[in-house]
């Protein structure tokens, strides 16, 4: 199912970003602000933990179509709200929101078999 594959891929990517973030920020001091950058994007230990949690949730949800769909909608909605509220103006988060909502809301749904 496309939504399950999406949850697997994005789960792995978010786990990797969380782990790489700690390579740049270290594990000391869990302040929400930092001057550390991963590629062009700011990272901090608290943000790294969020990325690890999101990645783990997406990966765990990929076991079934229904859970992958529900978690993709949830994560997409949260990232969309965060982006719109301006807490983390970040094009990557808004892209994750759009993709999560797309895969969560679009695609194959099981049809109910007609009864005779």
Protein backbone atom coordinates (compact mmCIF):
# COMPACT_ATOMS: atom_id res chain seq x y z
CA UNK A 1 0.00 0.00 0.00
CA UNK A 2 1.39 3.46 -0.86
CA UNK A 3 0.54 4.87 2.58
CA UNK A 4 2.43 2.06 4.31
CA UNK A 5 5.49 2.58 2.10
CA UNK A 6 5.28 6.32 2.76
CA UNK A 7 5.18 5.67 6.54
CA UNK A 8 8.20 3.35 6.27
CA UNK A 9 10.26 5.78 4.20
CA UNK A 10 9.40 8.92 6.17
CA UNK A 11 9.75 7.05 9.46
CA UNK A 12 13.27 6.01 8.48
CA UNK A 13 14.12 9.51 7.26
CA UNK A 14 12.91 11.16 10.47
CA UNK A 15 14.84 8.64 12.60
CA UNK A 16 17.96 9.32 10.56
CA UNK A 17 17.52 13.10 10.85
CA UNK A 18 17.04 12.77 14.62
CA UNK A 19 20.19 10.68 14.98
CA UNK A 20 22.23 12.94 12.69
CA UNK A 21 20.96 15.94 14.62
CA UNK A 22 22.59 14.58 17.77
CA UNK A 23 25.87 14.25 15.85
CA UNK A 24 25.76 18.04 15.40
CA UNK A 25 24.26 19.13 18.73
CA UNK A 26 25.56 16.49 21.10
CA UNK A 27 23.43 15.19 23.96
CA UNK A 28 24.09 17.87 26.57
CA UNK A 29 21.62 20.62 27.40
CA UNK A 30 18.16 20.13 25.98
CA UNK A 31 17.54 23.78 25.18
CA UNK A 32 15.03 24.54 22.45
CA UNK A 33 17.41 26.95 20.75
CA UNK A 34 20.79 26.31 19.21
CA UNK A 35 23.03 27.67 16.47
CA UNK A 36 23.80 24.16 15.22
CA UNK A 37 22.82 23.33 11.65
CA UNK A 38 22.15 20.08 9.83
CA UNK A 39 22.64 20.99 6.19
CA UNK A 40 20.88 24.38 6.10
CA UNK A 41 18.40 23.74 8.91
CA UNK A 42 18.72 24.55 12.58
CA UNK A 43 18.72 21.64 15.01
CA UNK A 44 18.74 21.29 18.77
CA UNK A 45 18.52 18.30 21.12
CA UNK A 46 14.81 18.80 21.82
CA UNK A 47 14.05 18.96 18.11
CA UNK A 48 16.13 15.79 17.60
CA UNK A 49 13.98 13.94 20.15
CA UNK A 50 10.82 15.07 18.35
CA UNK A 51 12.24 13.77 15.05
CA UNK A 52 13.07 10.41 16.68
CA UNK A 53 9.55 10.14 18.12
CA UNK A 54 7.88 11.05 14.83
CA UNK A 55 10.07 8.59 12.94
CA UNK A 56 9.35 5.78 15.40
CA UNK A 57 5.61 6.49 15.28
CA UNK A 58 5.56 6.46 11.48
CA UNK A 59 7.59 3.26 11.30
CA UNK A 60 5.42 1.51 13.90
CA UNK A 61 2.28 2.56 12.05
CA UNK A 62 3.49 1.08 8.75
CA UNK A 63 2.40 -2.44 9.79
CA UNK A 64 -1.15 -1.87 8.59
CA UNK A 65 -2.81 0.39 6.06
CA UNK A 66 -5.31 1.73 8.61
CA UNK A 67 -2.68 2.68 11.19
CA UNK A 68 -0.34 4.16 8.57
CA UNK A 69 -3.24 6.25 7.26
CA UNK A 70 -4.30 7.45 10.72
CA UNK A 71 -0.76 8.32 11.84
CA UNK A 72 0.02 10.09 8.55
CA UNK A 73 -3.10 12.22 8.98
CA UNK A 74 -2.21 12.94 12.61
CA UNK A 75 1.41 13.90 11.92
CA UNK A 76 0.42 15.85 8.80
CA UNK A 77 -2.22 17.82 10.73
CA UNK A 78 0.17 18.59 13.60
CA UNK A 79 2.95 19.75 11.28
CA UNK A 80 0.46 21.82 9.32
CA UNK A 81 -0.83 23.48 12.49
CA UNK A 82 2.72 24.13 13.73
CA UNK A 83 3.71 25.58 10.36
CA UNK A 84 0.62 27.77 10.09
CA UNK A 85 0.99 29.02 13.65
CA UNK A 86 4.53 30.01 12.82
CA UNK A 87 6.21 28.15 15.66
CA UNK A 88 8.66 26.53 13.27
CA UNK A 89 8.46 28.24 9.91
CA UNK A 90 10.15 25.52 7.95
CA UNK A 91 9.48 24.42 4.41
CA UNK A 92 10.48 20.83 5.24
CA UNK A 93 7.84 20.58 7.97
CA UNK A 94 5.19 22.03 5.70
CA UNK A 95 6.22 19.55 2.99
CA UNK A 96 5.96 16.71 5.54
CA UNK A 97 2.52 18.00 6.49
CA UNK A 98 1.34 18.06 2.90
CA UNK A 99 2.69 14.61 2.12
CA UNK A 100 1.38 13.09 5.34
CA UNK A 101 -2.09 14.48 4.71
CA UNK A 102 -2.00 13.44 1.06
CA UNK A 103 -1.02 9.84 1.75
CA UNK A 104 -3.29 9.65 4.78
CA UNK A 105 -6.36 10.99 3.02
CA UNK A 106 -5.85 9.80 -0.56
CA UNK A 107 -5.35 6.42 -2.04
CA UNK A 108 -6.96 3.06 -1.75
CA UNK A 109 -9.80 2.45 0.64
CA UNK A 110 -11.38 -0.92 1.12
CA UNK A 111 -14.82 -1.15 -0.39
CA UNK A 112 -17.55 -3.00 1.44
CA UNK A 113 -18.53 -6.13 -0.46
CA UNK A 114 -22.17 -6.08 -1.58
CA UNK A 115 -24.44 -8.55 0.15
CA UNK A 116 -26.83 -10.69 -1.82
